[in-house]
Amino acid sequence: MTPTTGTSADLRALLSQEACHVMPCCFDALSARIVEQSGCPLTFMSGFSVAAARAGLPDTGLLTVTEMLDQGRALCDAVSIPVIGDGDTGHGNAANVQRTMHQFKQAGFAGIMLEDQVSPKRCGHTGVKQVVERDVAIERITAAVEARRQGADLVIVARTDARSAFAERYGQQRALDEALWRLKAFADLGADVLFFEAPRSEEEMLRFCSEVPGKRMANMLEGGVTPLLLPEQLGAMGFHLVAYPLTLLASAAYAMRQAVTDLQNGKTPDNMLSFSELKDLVRFDAYDEAVSKKDT
């Protein structure tokens, strides 16, 4: 009954297409299943969303790698599309990065995102103040690429938060220049996808696409600091993936809060799946069929 999770080869095949793929971000097996059933070709396990859904905590590096892996295994087991996992800072030094790569591969992920924030990290749209020095950032991606050669064959998504971290100290232009320098360096090292977190304008996004080679990811966070653009616009700019990190979490939380209010007011919520639809989502029919075959 367990699907075969999409592999890094499947993910690379998607990235080779001339398209900008919509990538809603999930946080558990059920949300990943919904993404898959909706026809999206891949998903991303959002660290912000996992921290919120699993522990009711902010995205400030409070969850351990063990907790992320536990969530990831259940999530990857539930779908057959490729899943990219949030690897945060790699959870330590270069050796930790390599071990994290192997652990994410064993958990069933097709890709991993690694970033250059200091530890503990935080959501990129909530006021990042510090990133590691260039040599440490390069060391992390170098270690990840080496682990990929040694069997942890994951698509590496290399992210920088330098745009936010450097702006207050050095000004907007130097912050942008530093972010682009790091992304170019990550591309040269062999990162598969480049992720410029929290650009402030379409002009900055266009400069990223024109100056940084390789596959590029956009991050569309409702209420964040980056302009919200349509996938068609992002594709025309030169992006290959567009992540929606909190859309599913925020929508689910809104619906649950409204449902509780309706129940308190003595009514059944209007906007909910039917019992039949819910059974289909968790594959009751497949379970019953498997049990029937075993009994015969």
C-alpha atoms as a PDB file:
ATOM      1  CA  MET A   1       0.000   0.000   0.000  1.00  0.00           C
ATOM      2  CA  THR A   2       2.949   2.364   0.488  1.00  0.00           C
ATOM      3  CA  PRO A   3       3.803   4.443  -2.619  1.00  0.00           C
ATOM      4  CA  THR A   4       7.342   4.646  -3.931  1.00  0.00           C
ATOM      5  CA  THR A   5       8.495   8.171  -3.223  1.00  0.00           C
ATOM      6  CA  GLY A   6       9.790  10.219  -6.125  1.00  0.00           C
ATOM      7  CA  THR A   7      13.575  10.058  -6.417  1.00  0.00           C
ATOM      8  CA  SER A   8      16.273  12.626  -7.053  1.00  0.00           C
ATOM      9  CA  ALA A   9      16.290  11.433 -10.670  1.00  0.00           C
ATOM     10  CA  ASP A  10      12.570  12.211 -10.918  1.00  0.00           C
ATOM     11  CA  LEU A  11      13.207  15.651  -9.462  1.00  0.00           C
ATOM     12  CA  ARG A  12      16.065  16.334 -11.872  1.00  0.00           C
ATOM     13  CA  ALA A  13      13.826  15.308 -14.762  1.00  0.00           C
ATOM     14  CA  LEU A  14      11.278  17.914 -13.650  1.00  0.00           C
ATOM     15  CA  LEU A  15      13.975  20.561 -13.354  1.00  0.00           C
ATOM     16  CA  SER A  16      15.182  19.784 -16.871  1.00  0.00           C
ATOM     17  CA  GLN A  17      11.831  20.856 -18.302  1.00  0.00           C
ATOM     18  CA  GLU A  18      11.290  24.337 -19.661  1.00  0.00           C
ATOM     19  CA  ALA A  19       8.665  25.177 -17.063  1.00  0.00           C
ATOM     20  CA  CYS A  20       8.152  26.910 -13.741  1.00  0.00           C
ATOM     21  CA  HIS A  21       6.691  24.252 -11.462  1.00  0.00           C
ATOM     22  CA  VAL A  22       4.239  25.218  -8.734  1.00  0.00           C
ATOM     23  CA  MET A  23       5.402  23.666  -5.451  1.00  0.00           C
ATOM     24  CA  PRO A  24       2.944  23.992  -2.534  1.00  0.00           C
ATOM     25  CA  CYS A  25       4.780  23.239   0.697  1.00  0.00           C
ATOM     26  CA  CYS A  26       3.456  20.562   3.037  1.00  0.00           C
ATOM     27  CA  PHE A  27       3.945  19.746   6.689  1.00  0.00           C
ATOM     28  CA  ASP A  28       2.643  16.200   7.240  1.00  0.00           C
ATOM     29  CA  ALA A  29       1.591  13.100   5.331  1.00  0.00           C
ATOM     30  CA  LEU A  30      -1.972  14.309   4.812  1.00  0.00           C
ATOM     31  CA  SER A  31      -1.004  17.686   3.387  1.00  0.00           C
ATOM     32  CA  ALA A  32       1.565  16.002   1.119  1.00  0.00           C
ATOM     33  CA  ARG A  33      -1.124  13.605  -0.103  1.00  0.00           C
ATOM     34  CA  ILE A  34      -3.408  16.558  -0.908  1.00  0.00           C
ATOM     35  CA  VAL A  35      -0.631  18.206  -2.928  1.00  0.00           C
ATOM     36  CA  GLU A  36      -0.080  14.995  -4.872  1.00  0.00           C
ATOM     37  CA  GLN A  37      -3.791  14.362  -5.520  1.00  0.00           C
ATOM     38  CA  SER A  38      -4.154  17.935  -6.783  1.00  0.00           C
ATOM     39  CA  GLY A  39      -1.761  17.129  -9.601  1.00  0.00           C
ATOM     40  CA  CYS A  40       1.344  19.004  -8.466  1.00  0.00           C
ATOM     41  CA  PRO A  41       4.494  17.160  -9.586  1.00  0.00           C
ATOM     42  CA  LEU A  42       6.499  17.791  -6.400  1.00  0.00           C
ATOM     43  CA  THR A  43       6.326  19.241  -2.909  1.00  0.00           C
ATOM     44  CA  PHE A  44       8.554  20.704  -0.213  1.00  0.00           C
ATOM     45  CA  MET A  45       8.469  19.927   3.508  1.00  0.00           C
ATOM     46  CA  SER A  46       8.444  23.406   5.060  1.00  0.00           C
ATOM     47  CA  GLY A  47      10.401  23.815   8.281  1.00  0.00           C
ATOM     48  CA  PHE A  48       8.157  26.668   9.416  1.00  0.00           C
ATOM     49  CA  SER A  49       5.067  24.559   8.841  1.00  0.00           C
ATOM     50  CA  VAL A  50       6.483  21.447  10.516  1.00  0.00           C
ATOM     51  CA  ALA A  51       7.520  23.423  13.594  1.00  0.00           C
ATOM     52  CA  ALA A  52       4.029  24.897  13.808  1.00  0.00           C
ATOM     53  CA  ALA A  53       2.045  21.716  13.080  1.00  0.00           C
ATOM     54  CA  ARG A  54       4.193  19.252  15.026  1.00  0.00           C
ATOM     55  CA  ALA A  55       5.068  21.325  18.091  1.00  0.00           C
ATOM     56  CA  GLY A  56       3.192  24.633  17.908  1.00  0.00           C
ATOM     57  CA  LEU A  57       6.557  26.408  17.809  1.00  0.00           C
ATOM     58  CA  PRO A  58       8.011  29.268  15.751  1.00  0.00           C
ATOM     59  CA  ASP A  59      10.495  28.613  12.960  1.00  0.00           C
ATOM     60  CA  THR A  60      13.577  29.494  15.012  1.00  0.00           C
ATOM     61  CA  GLY A  61      15.578  26.277  14.871  1.00  0.00           C
ATOM     62  CA  LEU A  62      13.849  24.668  17.866  1.00  0.00           C
ATOM     63  CA  LEU A  63      13.090  21.332  16.194  1.00  0.00           C
ATOM     64  CA  THR A  64      15.911  18.805  16.118  1.00  0.00           C
ATOM     65  CA  VAL A  65      17.091  16.990  13.008  1.00  0.00           C
ATOM     66  CA  THR A  66      15.604  13.814  14.517  1.00  0.00           C
ATOM     67  CA  GLU A  67      12.163  15.420  14.668  1.00  0.00           C
ATOM     68  CA  MET A  68      12.454  16.668  11.098  1.00  0.00           C
ATOM     69  CA  LEU A  69      13.512  13.222   9.895  1.00  0.00           C
ATOM     70  CA  ASP A  70      10.655  11.552  11.748  1.00  0.00           C
ATOM     71  CA  GLN A  71       8.173  13.906  10.107  1.00  0.00           C
ATOM     72  CA  GLY A  72       9.884  13.446   6.758  1.00  0.00           C
ATOM     73  CA  ARG A  73       9.763   9.658   6.761  1.00  0.00           C
ATOM     74  CA  ALA A  74       6.013   9.625   7.325  1.00  0.00           C
ATOM     75  CA  LEU A  75       5.513  12.310   4.707  1.00  0.00           C
ATOM     76  CA  CYS A  76       7.685  10.667   2.039  1.00  0.00           C
ATOM     77  CA  ASP A  77       6.042   7.288   2.649  1.00  0.00           C
ATOM     78  CA  ALA A  78       2.627   8.795   1.892  1.00  0.00           C
ATOM     79  CA  VAL A  79       3.311  10.060  -1.647  1.00  0.00           C
ATOM     80  CA  SER A  80       4.949   9.068  -4.915  1.00  0.00           C
ATOM     81  CA  ILE A  81       6.033  12.574  -5.994  1.00  0.00           C
ATOM     82  CA  PRO A  82       9.502  13.950  -5.178  1.00  0.00           C
ATOM     83  CA  VAL A  83       9.799  15.737  -1.832  1.00  0.00           C
ATOM     84  CA  ILE A  84      12.423  18.356  -0.975  1.00  0.00           C
ATOM     85  CA  GLY A  85      13.218  18.569   2.733  1.00  0.00           C
ATOM     86  CA  ASP A  86      14.228  21.614   4.757  1.00  0.00           C
ATOM     87  CA  GLY A  87      17.743  20.888   5.998  1.00  0.00           C
ATOM     88  CA  ASP A  88      18.130  24.283   7.708  1.00  0.00           C
ATOM     89  CA  THR A  89      21.826  25.013   8.345  1.00  0.00           C
ATOM     90  CA  GLY A  90      22.835  21.364   8.017  1.00  0.00           C
ATOM     91  CA  HIS A  91      22.660  21.014  11.805  1.00  0.00           C
ATOM     92  CA  GLY A  92      26.304  21.736  12.558  1.00  0.00           C
ATOM     93  CA  ASN A  93      29.698  21.758  10.875  1.00  0.00           C
ATOM     94  CA  ALA A  94      30.701  20.178   7.556  1.00  0.00           C
ATOM     95  CA  ALA A  95      30.605  16.675   9.040  1.00  0.00           C
ATOM     96  CA  ASN A  96      27.095  17.317  10.337  1.00  0.00           C
ATOM     97  CA  VAL A  97      26.035  18.553   6.898  1.00  0.00           C
ATOM     98  CA  GLN A  98      27.245  15.319   5.326  1.00  0.00           C
ATOM     99  CA  ARG A  99      25.464  13.194   7.911  1.00  0.00           C
ATOM    100  CA  THR A 100      22.281  15.232   7.449  1.00  0.00           C
ATOM    101  CA  MET A 101      22.505  14.597   3.702  1.00  0.00           C
ATOM    102  CA  HIS A 102      22.716  10.832   4.204  1.00  0.00           C
ATOM    103  CA  GLN A 103      19.902  10.869   6.773  1.00  0.00           C
ATOM    104  CA  PHE A 104      17.599  12.837   4.469  1.00  0.00           C
ATOM    105  CA  LYS A 105      18.351  10.429   1.641  1.00  0.00           C
ATOM    106  CA  GLN A 106      17.530   7.437   3.840  1.00  0.00           C
ATOM    107  CA  ALA A 107      14.293   9.092   4.955  1.00  0.00           C
ATOM    108  CA  GLY A 108      13.060   9.179   1.351  1.00  0.00           C
ATOM    109  CA  PHE A 109      13.645  12.776   0.312  1.00  0.00           C
ATOM    110  CA  ALA A 110      14.571  13.620  -3.273  1.00  0.00           C
ATOM    111  CA  GLY A 111      16.174  16.939  -2.374  1.00  0.00           C
ATOM    112  CA  ILE A 112      17.379  19.054   0.521  1.00  0.00           C
ATOM    113  CA  MET A 113      17.566  22.788   1.142  1.00  0.00           C
ATOM    114  CA  LEU A 114      20.632  24.112   2.971  1.00  0.00           C
ATOM    115  CA  GLU A 115      21.100  27.730   4.033  1.00  0.00           C
ATOM    116  CA  ASP A 116      23.797  30.102   5.243  1.00  0.00           C
ATOM    117  CA  GLN A 117      22.199  31.465   8.402  1.00  0.00           C
ATOM    118  CA  VAL A 118      23.856  31.134  11.781  1.00  0.00           C
ATOM    119  CA  SER A 119      22.391  28.605  14.183  1.00  0.00           C
ATOM    120  CA  PRO A 120      19.749  28.838  15.519  1.00  0.00           C
ATOM    121  CA  LYS A 121      18.181  30.015  12.267  1.00  0.00           C
ATOM    122  CA  ARG A 122      14.811  31.672  11.743  1.00  0.00           C
ATOM    123  CA  CYS A 123      12.204  32.228   9.024  1.00  0.00           C
ATOM    124  CA  GLY A 124      13.709  34.393   6.299  1.00  0.00           C
ATOM    125  CA  HIS A 125      10.828  36.878   6.343  1.00  0.00           C
ATOM    126  CA  THR A 126      10.928  37.581  10.092  1.00  0.00           C
ATOM    127  CA  GLY A 127      14.055  39.679  10.389  1.00  0.00           C
ATOM    128  CA  VAL A 128      17.189  37.599   9.777  1.00  0.00           C
ATOM    129  CA  LYS A 129      20.147  39.411  11.331  1.00  0.00           C
ATOM    130  CA  GLN A 130      23.079  37.076  10.773  1.00  0.00           C
ATOM    131  CA  VAL A 131      24.515  34.717   8.228  1.00  0.00           C
ATOM    132  CA  VAL A 132      27.769  32.799   8.508  1.00  0.00           C
ATOM    133  CA  GLU A 133      30.928  34.102   6.862  1.00  0.00           C
ATOM    134  CA  ARG A 134      31.529  33.283   3.212  1.00  0.00           C
ATOM    135  CA  ASP A 135      34.049  30.534   3.928  1.00  0.00           C
ATOM    136  CA  VAL A 136      31.622  28.721   6.245  1.00  0.00           C
ATOM    137  CA  ALA A 137      28.772  29.038   3.743  1.00  0.00           C
ATOM    138  CA  ILE A 138      31.005  27.612   1.024  1.00  0.00           C
ATOM    139  CA  GLU A 139      32.156  24.836   3.358  1.00  0.00           C
ATOM    140  CA  ARG A 140      28.528  23.765   3.922  1.00  0.00           C
ATOM    141  CA  ILE A 141      27.704  23.460   0.232  1.00  0.00           C
ATOM    142  CA  THR A 142      31.062  21.828  -0.511  1.00  0.00           C
ATOM    143  CA  ALA A 143      30.316  19.213   2.154  1.00  0.00           C
ATOM    144  CA  ALA A 144      26.853  18.618   0.709  1.00  0.00           C
ATOM    145  CA  VAL A 145      28.230  18.145  -2.800  1.00  0.00           C
ATOM    146  CA  GLU A 146      30.822  15.680  -1.467  1.00  0.00           C
ATOM    147  CA  ALA A 147      28.086  13.737   0.355  1.00  0.00           C
ATOM    148  CA  ARG A 148      26.130  13.623  -2.892  1.00  0.00           C
ATOM    149  CA  ARG A 149      29.149  12.007  -4.559  1.00  0.00           C
ATOM    150  CA  GLN A 150      29.373   9.510  -1.705  1.00  0.00           C
ATOM    151  CA  GLY A 151      25.858   8.165  -2.146  1.00  0.00           C
ATOM    152  CA  ALA A 152      23.534  10.770  -0.633  1.00  0.00           C
ATOM    153  CA  ASP A 153      22.192  11.569  -4.090  1.00  0.00           C
ATOM    154  CA  LEU A 154      19.907  14.478  -3.290  1.00  0.00           C
ATOM    155  CA  VAL A 155      19.087  17.554  -5.324  1.00  0.00           C
ATOM    156  CA  ILE A 156      20.833  20.340  -3.386  1.00  0.00           C
ATOM    157  CA  VAL A 157      18.903  23.588  -3.010  1.00  0.00           C
ATOM    158  CA  ALA A 158      21.394  26.228  -1.800  1.00  0.00           C
ATOM    159  CA  ARG A 159      19.852  29.240  -0.082  1.00  0.00           C
ATOM    160  CA  THR A 160      21.238  32.551   1.076  1.00  0.00           C
ATOM    161  CA  ASP A 161      19.709  35.003   3.550  1.00  0.00           C
ATOM    162  CA  ALA A 162      22.460  37.560   3.040  1.00  0.00           C
ATOM    163  CA  ARG A 163      20.017  40.076   1.522  1.00  0.00           C
ATOM    164  CA  SER A 164      18.276  40.459   4.882  1.00  0.00           C
ATOM    165  CA  ALA A 165      21.273  39.955   7.142  1.00  0.00           C
ATOM    166  CA  PHE A 166      23.546  42.533   5.476  1.00  0.00           C
ATOM    167  CA  ALA A 167      21.012  45.292   4.756  1.00  0.00           C
ATOM    168  CA  GLU A 168      20.948  46.907   8.187  1.00  0.00           C
ATOM    169  CA  ARG A 169      24.733  46.936   8.596  1.00  0.00           C
ATOM    170  CA  TYR A 170      25.934  47.664   5.070  1.00  0.00           C
ATOM    171  CA  GLY A 171      22.988  49.019   3.098  1.00  0.00           C
ATOM    172  CA  GLN A 172      20.613  47.610   0.501  1.00  0.00           C
ATOM    173  CA  GLN A 173      22.983  47.522  -2.459  1.00  0.00           C
ATOM    174  CA  ARG A 174      25.833  45.781  -0.682  1.00  0.00           C
ATOM    175  CA  ALA A 175      23.384  43.301   0.813  1.00  0.00           C
ATOM    176  CA  LEU A 176      22.067  42.434  -2.643  1.00  0.00           C
ATOM    177  CA  ASP A 177      25.588  42.152  -4.068  1.00  0.00           C
ATOM    178  CA  GLU A 178      26.606  39.806  -1.256  1.00  0.00           C
ATOM    179  CA  ALA A 179      23.571  37.574  -1.769  1.00  0.00           C
ATOM    180  CA  LEU A 180      24.279  37.274  -5.490  1.00  0.00           C
ATOM    181  CA  TRP A 181      27.993  36.602  -4.875  1.00  0.00           C
ATOM    182  CA  ARG A 182      27.099  33.705  -2.578  1.00  0.00           C
ATOM    183  CA  LEU A 183      24.560  32.253  -4.988  1.00  0.00           C
ATOM    184  CA  LYS A 184      27.085  32.339  -7.837  1.00  0.00           C
ATOM    185  CA  ALA A 185      29.605  30.600  -5.585  1.00  0.00           C
ATOM    186  CA  PHE A 186      27.048  27.924  -4.658  1.00  0.00           C
ATOM    187  CA  ALA A 187      26.314  27.371  -8.356  1.00  0.00           C
ATOM    188  CA  ASP A 188      30.028  27.009  -9.106  1.00  0.00           C
ATOM    189  CA  LEU A 189      30.352  24.460  -6.296  1.00  0.00           C
ATOM    190  CA  GLY A 190      27.668  22.260  -7.858  1.00  0.00           C
ATOM    191  CA  ALA A 191      24.404  23.155  -6.119  1.00  0.00           C
ATOM    192  CA  ASP A 192      21.465  22.027  -8.264  1.00  0.00           C
ATOM    193  CA  VAL A 193      19.013  24.819  -7.398  1.00  0.00           C
ATOM    194  CA  LEU A 194      19.734  28.353  -6.208  1.00  0.00           C
ATOM    195  CA  PHE A 195      17.430  30.074  -3.730  1.00  0.00           C
ATOM    196  CA  PHE A 196      17.621  33.834  -3.124  1.00  0.00           C
ATOM    197  CA  GLU A 197      15.553  34.332   0.027  1.00  0.00           C
ATOM    198  CA  ALA A 198      13.551  37.518   0.620  1.00  0.00           C
ATOM    199  CA  PRO A 199      14.290  39.770  -2.388  1.00  0.00           C
ATOM    200  CA  ARG A 200      12.536  43.108  -1.959  1.00  0.00           C
ATOM    201  CA  SER A 201      11.490  43.901  -5.536  1.00  0.00           C
ATOM    202  CA  GLU A 202      10.929  42.540  -9.015  1.00  0.00           C
ATOM    203  CA  GLU A 203      14.138  44.283 -10.046  1.00  0.00           C
ATOM    204  CA  GLU A 204      16.123  42.256  -7.524  1.00  0.00           C
ATOM    205  CA  MET A 205      14.458  39.055  -8.701  1.00  0.00           C
ATOM    206  CA  LEU A 206      15.301  39.870 -12.326  1.00  0.00           C
ATOM    207  CA  ARG A 207      18.913  40.567 -11.420  1.00  0.00           C
ATOM    208  CA  PHE A 208      19.104  37.198  -9.659  1.00  0.00           C
ATOM    209  CA  CYS A 209      17.787  35.428 -12.748  1.00  0.00           C
ATOM    210  CA  SER A 210      20.082  37.291 -15.131  1.00  0.00           C
ATOM    211  CA  GLU A 211      23.292  36.975 -13.102  1.00  0.00           C
ATOM    212  CA  VAL A 212      23.120  33.598 -11.361  1.00  0.00           C
ATOM    213  CA  PRO A 213      23.375  30.507 -13.607  1.00  0.00           C
ATOM    214  CA  GLY A 214      21.459  27.273 -13.107  1.00  0.00           C
ATOM    215  CA  LYS A 215      18.010  26.413 -11.811  1.00  0.00           C
ATOM    216  CA  ARG A 216      16.378  29.029  -9.608  1.00  0.00           C
ATOM    217  CA  MET A 217      13.645  28.882  -6.974  1.00  0.00           C
ATOM    218  CA  ALA A 218      11.216  31.633  -5.988  1.00  0.00           C
ATOM    219  CA  ASN A 219       9.497  31.806  -2.602  1.00  0.00           C
ATOM    220  CA  MET A 220       5.985  33.274  -2.520  1.00  0.00           C
ATOM    221  CA  LEU A 221       5.061  33.987   1.101  1.00  0.00           C
ATOM    222  CA  GLU A 222       1.766  35.764   1.575  1.00  0.00           C
ATOM    223  CA  GLY A 223       2.436  38.759   3.842  1.00  0.00           C
ATOM    224  CA  GLY A 224       6.213  38.476   3.388  1.00  0.00           C
ATOM    225  CA  VAL A 225       8.690  40.982   1.987  1.00  0.00           C
ATOM    226  CA  THR A 226       8.900  39.571  -1.564  1.00  0.00           C
ATOM    227  CA  PRO A 227       6.410  40.684  -4.249  1.00  0.00           C
ATOM    228  CA  LEU A 228       3.736  38.061  -4.908  1.00  0.00           C
ATOM    229  CA  LEU A 229       3.846  37.183  -8.608  1.00  0.00           C
ATOM    230  CA  LEU A 230       2.046  34.610 -10.717  1.00  0.00           C
ATOM    231  CA  PRO A 231       3.875  31.443 -11.797  1.00  0.00           C
ATOM    232  CA  GLU A 232       3.677  32.653 -15.403  1.00  0.00           C
ATOM    233  CA  GLN A 233       5.478  35.857 -14.461  1.00  0.00           C
ATOM    234  CA  LEU A 234       8.107  33.990 -12.479  1.00  0.00           C
ATOM    235  CA  GLY A 235       8.685  31.549 -15.321  1.00  0.00           C
ATOM    236  CA  ALA A 236       9.177  34.423 -17.733  1.00  0.00           C
ATOM    237  CA  MET A 237      11.745  35.914 -15.356  1.00  0.00           C
ATOM    238  CA  GLY A 238      13.728  32.683 -15.342  1.00  0.00           C
ATOM    239  CA  PHE A 239      12.555  30.769 -12.268  1.00  0.00           C
ATOM    240  CA  HIS A 240      12.101  26.989 -12.404  1.00  0.00           C
ATOM    241  CA  LEU A 241      10.391  26.341  -9.061  1.00  0.00           C
ATOM    242  CA  VAL A 242       7.933  28.467  -7.128  1.00  0.00           C
ATOM    243  CA  ALA A 243       7.394  27.514  -3.499  1.00  0.00           C
ATOM    244  CA  TYR A 244       4.366  28.486  -1.436  1.00  0.00           C
ATOM    245  CA  PRO A 245       5.765  27.852   2.060  1.00  0.00           C
ATOM    246  CA  LEU A 246       2.793  28.715   4.280  1.00  0.00           C
ATOM    247  CA  THR A 247      -0.281  28.666   2.046  1.00  0.00           C
ATOM    248  CA  LEU A 248      -1.465  25.211   3.105  1.00  0.00           C
ATOM    249  CA  LEU A 249      -0.657  25.710   6.780  1.00  0.00           C
ATOM    250  CA  ALA A 250      -2.342  29.107   6.971  1.00  0.00           C
ATOM    251  CA  SER A 251      -5.382  27.862   5.047  1.00  0.00           C
ATOM    252  CA  ALA A 252      -5.712  24.799   7.279  1.00  0.00           C
ATOM    253  CA  ALA A 253      -5.341  26.838  10.482  1.00  0.00           C
ATOM    254  CA  TYR A 254      -7.960  29.323   9.274  1.00  0.00           C
ATOM    255  CA  ALA A 255     -10.400  26.540   8.404  1.00  0.00           C
ATOM    256  CA  MET A 256      -9.868  24.753  11.737  1.00  0.00           C
ATOM    257  CA  ARG A 257     -10.371  27.931  13.726  1.00  0.00           C
ATOM    258  CA  GLN A 258     -13.553  28.675  11.814  1.00  0.00           C
ATOM    259  CA  ALA A 259     -14.773  25.108  12.365  1.00  0.00           C
ATOM    260  CA  VAL A 260     -14.274  25.409  16.122  1.00  0.00           C
ATOM    261  CA  THR A 261     -16.191  28.698  16.114  1.00  0.00           C
ATOM    262  CA  ASP A 262     -19.039  27.072  14.171  1.00  0.00           C
ATOM    263  CA  LEU A 263     -19.200  24.177  16.642  1.00  0.00           C
ATOM    264  CA  GLN A 264     -19.260  26.590  19.579  1.00  0.00           C
ATOM    265  CA  ASN A 265     -22.168  28.352  17.905  1.00  0.00           C
ATOM    266  CA  GLY A 266     -24.098  25.104  17.524  1.00  0.00           C
ATOM    267  CA  LYS A 267     -23.650  24.514  13.801  1.00  0.00           C
ATOM    268  CA  THR A 268     -21.799  22.061  11.592  1.00  0.00           C
ATOM    269  CA  PRO A 269     -19.120  23.747   9.477  1.00  0.00           C
ATOM    270  CA  ASP A 270     -20.076  24.221   5.833  1.00  0.00           C
ATOM    271  CA  ASN A 271     -16.637  24.001   4.247  1.00  0.00           C
ATOM    272  CA  MET A 272     -15.318  20.524   4.938  1.00  0.00           C
ATOM    273  CA  LEU A 273     -14.657  17.280   3.122  1.00  0.00           C
ATOM    274  CA  SER A 274     -17.420  14.726   3.174  1.00  0.00           C
ATOM    275  CA  PHE A 275     -16.800  11.523   5.128  1.00  0.00           C
ATOM    276  CA  SER A 276     -16.527   9.708   1.800  1.00  0.00           C
ATOM    277  CA  GLU A 277     -13.900  12.153   0.532  1.00  0.00           C
ATOM    278  CA  LEU A 278     -11.935  11.882   3.749  1.00  0.00           C
ATOM    279  CA  LYS A 279     -11.938   8.079   3.566  1.00  0.00           C
ATOM    280  CA  ASP A 280     -10.709   8.300  -0.001  1.00  0.00           C
ATOM    281  CA  LEU A 281      -7.923  10.687   1.008  1.00  0.00           C
ATOM    282  CA  VAL A 282      -6.530   8.236   3.557  1.00  0.00           C
ATOM    283  CA  ARG A 283      -7.129   5.282   1.170  1.00  0.00           C
ATOM    284  CA  PHE A 284      -9.626   3.195   3.089  1.00  0.00           C
ATOM    285  CA  ASP A 285     -10.622   1.382  -0.113  1.00  0.00           C
ATOM    286  CA  ALA A 286      -7.028   0.355  -0.818  1.00  0.00           C
ATOM    287  CA  TYR A 287      -6.717  -0.969   2.718  1.00  0.00           C
ATOM    288  CA  ASP A 288      -9.965  -2.960   2.502  1.00  0.00           C
ATOM    289  CA  GLU A 289      -8.945  -4.392  -0.854  1.00  0.00           C
ATOM    290  CA  ALA A 290      -5.572  -5.495   0.493  1.00  0.00           C
ATOM    291  CA  VAL A 291      -7.157  -7.123   3.540  1.00  0.00           C
ATOM    292  CA  SER A 292      -9.744  -8.910   1.366  1.00  0.00           C
ATOM    293  CA  LYS A 293      -7.031 -10.369  -0.887  1.00  0.00           C
ATOM    294  CA  LYS A 294      -5.092 -11.572   2.142  1.00  0.00           C
ATOM    295  CA  ASP A 295      -8.168 -13.265   3.610  1.00  0.00           C
ATOM    296  CA  THR A 296      -8.832 -15.129   0.348  1.00  0.00           C
END
